[in-house]
Amino acid sequence: MVTATVREWHDEEGWGVLDCPDTPGGCWGHFSAVEAQGFRSLAPGQRVTLDWEAPGFQQDGYDYRAVRIVP
């Protein structure tokens, strides 16, 4: 897992972008990857840890996708 910072998060759409040195250009994240109880949301500027993958295609314009996000 790596440490990342939430760049942006869209509660109404359930996704956002996280930044860390391992994922240049940003890492796309979906609420389903957030390990939390109840409504899963993140806030811009929040520090999290994450596991990511490079699926070989762009997810909404991003080369990297979070598979696990721990607030």
PDB file of N, CA and C in Angstrom:
ATOM      1  N   MET A   1       0.848  -1.186   0.000  1.00  0.00           N
ATOM      2  CA  MET A   1       0.000   0.000   0.000  1.00  0.00           C
ATOM      3  C   MET A   1       0.887   1.240   0.000  1.00  0.00           C
ATOM      4  N   VAL A   2       0.396   2.289  -0.615  1.00  0.00           N
ATOM      5  CA  VAL A   2       1.123   3.555  -0.685  1.00  0.00           C
ATOM      6  C   VAL A   2       0.256   4.661  -0.093  1.00  0.00           C
ATOM      7  N   THR A   3       0.897   5.732   0.326  1.00  0.00           N
ATOM      8  CA  THR A   3       0.183   6.889   0.854  1.00  0.00           C
ATOM      9  C   THR A   3      -0.176   7.808  -0.305  1.00  0.00           C
ATOM     10  N   ALA A   4      -1.405   8.303  -0.287  1.00  0.00           N
ATOM     11  CA  ALA A   4      -1.880   9.179  -1.355  1.00  0.00           C
ATOM     12  C   ALA A   4      -2.694  10.318  -0.756  1.00  0.00           C
ATOM     13  N   THR A   5      -2.914  11.340  -1.567  1.00  0.00           N
ATOM     14  CA  THR A   5      -3.741  12.483  -1.183  1.00  0.00           C
ATOM     15  C   THR A   5      -4.904  12.575  -2.157  1.00  0.00           C
ATOM     16  N   VAL A   6      -6.089  12.796  -1.620  1.00  0.00           N
ATOM     17  CA  VAL A   6      -7.283  12.945  -2.456  1.00  0.00           C
ATOM     18  C   VAL A   6      -7.210  14.295  -3.164  1.00  0.00           C
ATOM     19  N   ARG A   7      -7.185  14.274  -4.484  1.00  0.00           N
ATOM     20  CA  ARG A   7      -7.165  15.509  -5.285  1.00  0.00           C
ATOM     21  C   ARG A   7      -8.579  16.070  -5.417  1.00  0.00           C
ATOM     22  N   GLU A   8      -9.507  15.184  -5.745  1.00  0.00           N
ATOM     23  CA  GLU A   8     -10.909  15.578  -5.906  1.00  0.00           C
ATOM     24  C   GLU A   8     -11.786  14.375  -5.616  1.00  0.00           C
ATOM     25  N   TRP A   9     -13.019  14.637  -5.154  1.00  0.00           N
ATOM     26  CA  TRP A   9     -13.954  13.560  -4.878  1.00  0.00           C
ATOM     27  C   TRP A   9     -15.360  14.045  -5.187  1.00  0.00           C
ATOM     28  N   HIS A  10     -16.130  13.224  -5.915  1.00  0.00           N
ATOM     29  CA  HIS A  10     -17.479  13.573  -6.343  1.00  0.00           C
ATOM     30  C   HIS A  10     -18.475  12.626  -5.677  1.00  0.00           C
ATOM     31  N   ASP A  11     -19.033  13.044  -4.535  1.00  0.00           N
ATOM     32  CA  ASP A  11     -19.986  12.198  -3.809  1.00  0.00           C
ATOM     33  C   ASP A  11     -21.156  11.777  -4.680  1.00  0.00           C
ATOM     34  N   GLU A  12     -21.674  12.715  -5.468  1.00  0.00           N
ATOM     35  CA  GLU A  12     -22.860  12.428  -6.267  1.00  0.00           C
ATOM     36  C   GLU A  12     -22.605  11.385  -7.357  1.00  0.00           C
ATOM     37  N   GLU A  13     -21.356  11.248  -7.767  1.00  0.00           N
ATOM     38  CA  GLU A  13     -20.991  10.271  -8.797  1.00  0.00           C
ATOM     39  C   GLU A  13     -20.248   9.067  -8.221  1.00  0.00           C
ATOM     40  N   GLY A  14     -19.756   9.200  -6.980  1.00  0.00           N
ATOM     41  CA  GLY A  14     -19.110   8.081  -6.312  1.00  0.00           C
ATOM     42  C   GLY A  14     -17.682   7.789  -6.728  1.00  0.00           C
ATOM     43  N   TRP A  15     -16.964   8.787  -7.232  1.00  0.00           N
ATOM     44  CA  TRP A  15     -15.582   8.552  -7.627  1.00  0.00           C
ATOM     45  C   TRP A  15     -14.748   9.807  -7.430  1.00  0.00           C
ATOM     46  N   GLY A  16     -13.416   9.630  -7.525  1.00  0.00           N
ATOM     47  CA  GLY A  16     -12.518  10.759  -7.403  1.00  0.00           C
ATOM     48  C   GLY A  16     -11.133  10.402  -7.911  1.00  0.00           C
ATOM     49  N   VAL A  17     -10.201  11.313  -7.674  1.00  0.00           N
ATOM     50  CA  VAL A  17      -8.830  11.151  -8.140  1.00  0.00           C
ATOM     51  C   VAL A  17      -7.898  11.301  -6.944  1.00  0.00           C
ATOM     52  N   LEU A  18      -6.941  10.395  -6.856  1.00  0.00           N
ATOM     53  CA  LEU A  18      -5.964  10.403  -5.769  1.00  0.00           C
ATOM     54  C   LEU A  18      -4.571  10.535  -6.363  1.00  0.00           C
ATOM     55  N   ASP A  19      -3.698  11.237  -5.647  1.00  0.00           N
ATOM     56  CA  ASP A  19      -2.335  11.463  -6.135  1.00  0.00           C
ATOM     57  C   ASP A  19      -1.301  10.828  -5.220  1.00  0.00           C
ATOM     58  N   CYS A  20      -0.334  10.160  -5.827  1.00  0.00           N
ATOM     59  CA  CYS A  20       0.840   9.648  -5.115  1.00  0.00           C
ATOM     60  C   CYS A  20       1.963   9.504  -6.141  1.00  0.00           C
ATOM     61  N   PRO A  21       3.216   9.451  -5.693  1.00  0.00           N
ATOM     62  CA  PRO A  21       4.340   9.358  -6.630  1.00  0.00           C
ATOM     63  C   PRO A  21       4.292   8.125  -7.547  1.00  0.00           C
ATOM     64  N   ASP A  22       3.676   7.042  -7.077  1.00  0.00           N
ATOM     65  CA  ASP A  22       3.628   5.804  -7.867  1.00  0.00           C
ATOM     66  C   ASP A  22       2.633   5.843  -9.021  1.00  0.00           C
ATOM     67  N   THR A  23       1.720   6.829  -9.011  1.00  0.00           N
ATOM     68  CA  THR A  23       0.671   6.891 -10.043  1.00  0.00           C
ATOM     69  C   THR A  23       0.667   8.271 -10.706  1.00  0.00           C
ATOM     70  N   PRO A  24       1.688   8.572 -11.506  1.00  0.00           N
ATOM     71  CA  PRO A  24       1.770   9.896 -12.126  1.00  0.00           C
ATOM     72  C   PRO A  24       0.535  10.199 -12.980  1.00  0.00           C
ATOM     73  N   GLY A  25       0.015  11.395 -12.810  1.00  0.00           N
ATOM     74  CA  GLY A  25      -1.179  11.803 -13.538  1.00  0.00           C
ATOM     75  C   GLY A  25      -2.461  11.543 -12.767  1.00  0.00           C
ATOM     76  N   GLY A  26      -2.366  10.798 -11.676  1.00  0.00           N
ATOM     77  CA  GLY A  26      -3.533  10.544 -10.834  1.00  0.00           C
ATOM     78  C   GLY A  26      -4.020   9.116 -10.909  1.00  0.00           C
ATOM     79  N   CYS A  27      -4.707   8.722  -9.859  1.00  0.00           N
ATOM     80  CA  CYS A  27      -5.256   7.375  -9.737  1.00  0.00           C
ATOM     81  C   CYS A  27      -6.762   7.504  -9.533  1.00  0.00           C
ATOM     82  N   TRP A  28      -7.540   6.902 -10.412  1.00  0.00           N
ATOM     83  CA  TRP A  28      -8.997   6.934 -10.323  1.00  0.00           C
ATOM     84  C   TRP A  28      -9.451   6.042  -9.181  1.00  0.00           C
ATOM     85  N   GLY A  29     -10.387   6.524  -8.381  1.00  0.00           N
ATOM     86  CA  GLY A  29     -10.895   5.726  -7.277  1.00  0.00           C
ATOM     87  C   GLY A  29     -12.409   5.732  -7.237  1.00  0.00           C
ATOM     88  N   HIS A  30     -13.004   4.605  -6.909  1.00  0.00           N
ATOM     89  CA  HIS A  30     -14.458   4.448  -6.826  1.00  0.00           C
ATOM     90  C   HIS A  30     -14.847   4.208  -5.375  1.00  0.00           C
ATOM     91  N   PHE A  31     -16.046   4.642  -5.004  1.00  0.00           N
ATOM     92  CA  PHE A  31     -16.475   4.493  -3.615  1.00  0.00           C
ATOM     93  C   PHE A  31     -16.459   3.042  -3.150  1.00  0.00           C
ATOM     94  N   SER A  32     -16.648   2.100  -4.060  1.00  0.00           N
ATOM     95  CA  SER A  32     -16.665   0.685  -3.683  1.00  0.00           C
ATOM     96  C   SER A  32     -15.304   0.188  -3.193  1.00  0.00           C
ATOM     97  N   ALA A  33     -14.232   0.916  -3.504  1.00  0.00           N
ATOM     98  CA  ALA A  33     -12.891   0.537  -3.060  1.00  0.00           C
ATOM     99  C   ALA A  33     -12.550   1.122  -1.688  1.00  0.00           C
ATOM    100  N   VAL A  34     -13.384   2.044  -1.191  1.00  0.00           N
ATOM    101  CA  VAL A  34     -13.131   2.692   0.097  1.00  0.00           C
ATOM    102  C   VAL A  34     -13.547   1.749   1.221  1.00  0.00           C
ATOM    103  N   GLU A  35     -12.616   1.454   2.109  1.00  0.00           N
ATOM    104  CA  GLU A  35     -12.904   0.571   3.236  1.00  0.00           C
ATOM    105  C   GLU A  35     -13.449   1.408   4.393  1.00  0.00           C
ATOM    106  N   ALA A  36     -14.779   1.486   4.467  1.00  0.00           N
ATOM    107  CA  ALA A  36     -15.445   2.252   5.514  1.00  0.00           C
ATOM    108  C   ALA A  36     -16.857   1.722   5.681  1.00  0.00           C
ATOM    109  N   GLN A  37     -17.441   1.983   6.837  1.00  0.00           N
ATOM    110  CA  GLN A  37     -18.821   1.610   7.103  1.00  0.00           C
ATOM    111  C   GLN A  37     -19.747   2.737   6.652  1.00  0.00           C
ATOM    112  N   GLY A  38     -20.957   2.391   6.252  1.00  0.00           N
ATOM    113  CA  GLY A  38     -21.938   3.410   5.869  1.00  0.00           C
ATOM    114  C   GLY A  38     -21.594   4.060   4.547  1.00  0.00           C
ATOM    115  N   PHE A  39     -21.936   5.341   4.423  1.00  0.00           N
ATOM    116  CA  PHE A  39     -21.692   6.095   3.194  1.00  0.00           C
ATOM    117  C   PHE A  39     -20.196   6.288   3.014  1.00  0.00           C
ATOM    118  N   ARG A  40     -19.671   5.845   1.895  1.00  0.00           N
ATOM    119  CA  ARG A  40     -18.231   5.903   1.629  1.00  0.00           C
ATOM    120  C   ARG A  40     -17.905   7.163   0.852  1.00  0.00           C
ATOM    121  N   SER A  41     -17.160   8.043   1.484  1.00  0.00           N
ATOM    122  CA  SER A  41     -16.814   9.312   0.878  1.00  0.00           C
ATOM    123  C   SER A  41     -15.415   9.716   1.310  1.00  0.00           C
ATOM    124  N   LEU A  42     -14.751  10.501   0.485  1.00  0.00           N
ATOM    125  CA  LEU A  42     -13.451  11.058   0.805  1.00  0.00           C
ATOM    126  C   LEU A  42     -13.529  12.565   0.596  1.00  0.00           C
ATOM    127  N   ALA A  43     -12.533  13.289   1.098  1.00  0.00           N
ATOM    128  CA  ALA A  43     -12.521  14.750   0.985  1.00  0.00           C
ATOM    129  C   ALA A  43     -11.213  15.206   0.349  1.00  0.00           C
ATOM    130  N   PRO A  44     -11.272  16.212  -0.512  1.00  0.00           N
ATOM    131  CA  PRO A  44     -10.041  16.746  -1.089  1.00  0.00           C
ATOM    132  C   PRO A  44      -9.047  17.132   0.007  1.00  0.00           C
ATOM    133  N   GLY A  45      -7.782  16.736  -0.194  1.00  0.00           N
ATOM    134  CA  GLY A  45      -6.738  17.010   0.771  1.00  0.00           C
ATOM    135  C   GLY A  45      -6.551  15.901   1.795  1.00  0.00           C
ATOM    136  N   GLN A  46      -7.499  14.977   1.877  1.00  0.00           N
ATOM    137  CA  GLN A  46      -7.421  13.878   2.838  1.00  0.00           C
ATOM    138  C   GLN A  46      -6.295  12.926   2.460  1.00  0.00           C
ATOM    139  N   ARG A  47      -5.550  12.449   3.457  1.00  0.00           N
ATOM    140  CA  ARG A  47      -4.492  11.475   3.236  1.00  0.00           C
ATOM    141  C   ARG A  47      -5.074  10.081   3.432  1.00  0.00           C
ATOM    142  N   VAL A  48      -4.766   9.178   2.539  1.00  0.00           N
ATOM    143  CA  VAL A  48      -5.255   7.801   2.578  1.00  0.00           C
ATOM    144  C   VAL A  48      -4.120   6.865   2.199  1.00  0.00           C
ATOM    145  N   THR A  49      -4.329   5.577   2.392  1.00  0.00           N
ATOM    146  CA  THR A  49      -3.418   4.587   1.827  1.00  0.00           C
ATOM    147  C   THR A  49      -4.215   3.800   0.795  1.00  0.00           C
ATOM    148  N   LEU A  50      -3.528   3.335  -0.229  1.00  0.00           N
ATOM    149  CA  LEU A  50      -4.237   2.629  -1.287  1.00  0.00           C
ATOM    150  C   LEU A  50      -3.384   1.581  -1.965  1.00  0.00           C
ATOM    151  N   ASP A  51      -4.065   0.625  -2.534  1.00  0.00           N
ATOM    152  CA  ASP A  51      -3.489  -0.331  -3.464  1.00  0.00           C
ATOM    153  C   ASP A  51      -4.043   0.039  -4.828  1.00  0.00           C
ATOM    154  N   TRP A  52      -3.219  -0.040  -5.851  1.00  0.00           N
ATOM    155  CA  TRP A  52      -3.654   0.370  -7.176  1.00  0.00           C
ATOM    156  C   TRP A  52      -3.229  -0.664  -8.210  1.00  0.00           C
ATOM    157  N   GLU A  53      -3.832  -0.516  -9.395  1.00  0.00           N
ATOM    158  CA  GLU A  53      -3.458  -1.354 -10.533  1.00  0.00           C
ATOM    159  C   GLU A  53      -3.409  -0.492 -11.783  1.00  0.00           C
ATOM    160  N   ALA A  54      -2.703  -0.972 -12.777  1.00  0.00           N
ATOM    161  CA  ALA A  54      -2.666  -0.350 -14.100  1.00  0.00           C
ATOM    162  C   ALA A  54      -3.368  -1.335 -15.035  1.00  0.00           C
ATOM    163  N   PRO A  55      -4.681  -1.148 -15.256  1.00  0.00           N
ATOM    164  CA  PRO A  55      -5.452  -2.162 -15.975  1.00  0.00           C
ATOM    165  C   PRO A  55      -5.153  -2.298 -17.465  1.00  0.00           C
ATOM    166  N   GLY A  56      -4.339  -1.402 -18.022  1.00  0.00           N
ATOM    167  CA  GLY A  56      -4.023  -1.507 -19.442  1.00  0.00           C
ATOM    168  C   GLY A  56      -4.981  -0.723 -20.331  1.00  0.00           C
ATOM    169  N   PHE A  57      -5.909  -0.027 -19.717  1.00  0.00           N
ATOM    170  CA  PHE A  57      -6.811   0.884 -20.431  1.00  0.00           C
ATOM    171  C   PHE A  57      -7.083   2.040 -19.490  1.00  0.00           C
ATOM    172  N   GLN A  58      -7.559   3.144 -20.030  1.00  0.00           N
ATOM    173  CA  GLN A  58      -7.821   4.298 -19.182  1.00  0.00           C
ATOM    174  C   GLN A  58      -9.209   4.210 -18.557  1.00  0.00           C
ATOM    175  N   GLN A  59      -9.262   4.490 -17.268  1.00  0.00           N
ATOM    176  CA  GLN A  59     -10.517   4.558 -16.530  1.00  0.00           C
ATOM    177  C   GLN A  59     -10.853   6.038 -16.396  1.00  0.00           C
ATOM    178  N   ASP A  60     -11.837   6.508 -17.149  1.00  0.00           N
ATOM    179  CA  ASP A  60     -12.221   7.931 -17.140  1.00  0.00           C
ATOM    180  C   ASP A  60     -11.026   8.853 -17.370  1.00  0.00           C
ATOM    181  N   GLY A  61     -10.073   8.420 -18.191  1.00  0.00           N
ATOM    182  CA  GLY A  61      -8.924   9.243 -18.539  1.00  0.00           C
ATOM    183  C   GLY A  61      -7.687   9.035 -17.682  1.00  0.00           C
ATOM    184  N   TYR A  62      -7.729   8.078 -16.756  1.00  0.00           N
ATOM    185  CA  TYR A  62      -6.595   7.823 -15.868  1.00  0.00           C
ATOM    186  C   TYR A  62      -6.013   6.437 -16.130  1.00  0.00           C
ATOM    187  N   ASP A  63      -4.679   6.362 -16.108  1.00  0.00           N
ATOM    188  CA  ASP A  63      -3.995   5.097 -16.378  1.00  0.00           C
ATOM    189  C   ASP A  63      -4.002   4.147 -15.184  1.00  0.00           C
ATOM    190  N   TYR A  64      -4.276   4.679 -13.992  1.00  0.00           N
ATOM    191  CA  TYR A  64      -4.220   3.885 -12.771  1.00  0.00           C
ATOM    192  C   TYR A  64      -5.597   3.867 -12.091  1.00  0.00           C
ATOM    193  N   ARG A  65      -5.887   2.756 -11.407  1.00  0.00           N
ATOM    194  CA  ARG A  65      -7.169   2.606 -10.730  1.00  0.00           C
ATOM    195  C   ARG A  65      -6.908   2.034  -9.327  1.00  0.00           C
ATOM    196  N   ALA A  66      -7.532   2.637  -8.325  1.00  0.00           N
ATOM    197  CA  ALA A  66      -7.412   2.154  -6.952  1.00  0.00           C
ATOM    198  C   ALA A  66      -8.275   0.904  -6.785  1.00  0.00           C
ATOM    199  N   VAL A  67      -7.714  -0.127  -6.156  1.00  0.00           N
ATOM    200  CA  VAL A  67      -8.469  -1.341  -5.875  1.00  0.00           C
ATOM    201  C   VAL A  67      -8.799  -1.457  -4.396  1.00  0.00           C
ATOM    202  N   ARG A  68      -8.118  -0.663  -3.569  1.00  0.00           N
ATOM    203  CA  ARG A  68      -8.375  -0.637  -2.126  1.00  0.00           C
ATOM    204  C   ARG A  68      -7.952   0.723  -1.607  1.00  0.00           C
ATOM    205  N   ILE A  69      -8.855   1.409  -0.907  1.00  0.00           N
ATOM    206  CA  ILE A  69      -8.566   2.734  -0.331  1.00  0.00           C
ATOM    207  C   ILE A  69      -8.903   2.670   1.160  1.00  0.00           C
ATOM    208  N   VAL A  70      -7.923   2.983   1.991  1.00  0.00           N
ATOM    209  CA  VAL A  70      -8.128   2.977   3.442  1.00  0.00           C
ATOM    210  C   VAL A  70      -7.950   4.409   3.970  1.00  0.00           C
ATOM    211  N   PRO A  71      -9.069   5.011   4.420  1.00  0.00           N
ATOM    212  CA  PRO A  71      -8.989   6.391   4.946  1.00  0.00           C
ATOM    213  C   PRO A  71      -8.134   6.472   6.215  1.00  0.00           C
TER     214      PRO A  71
END
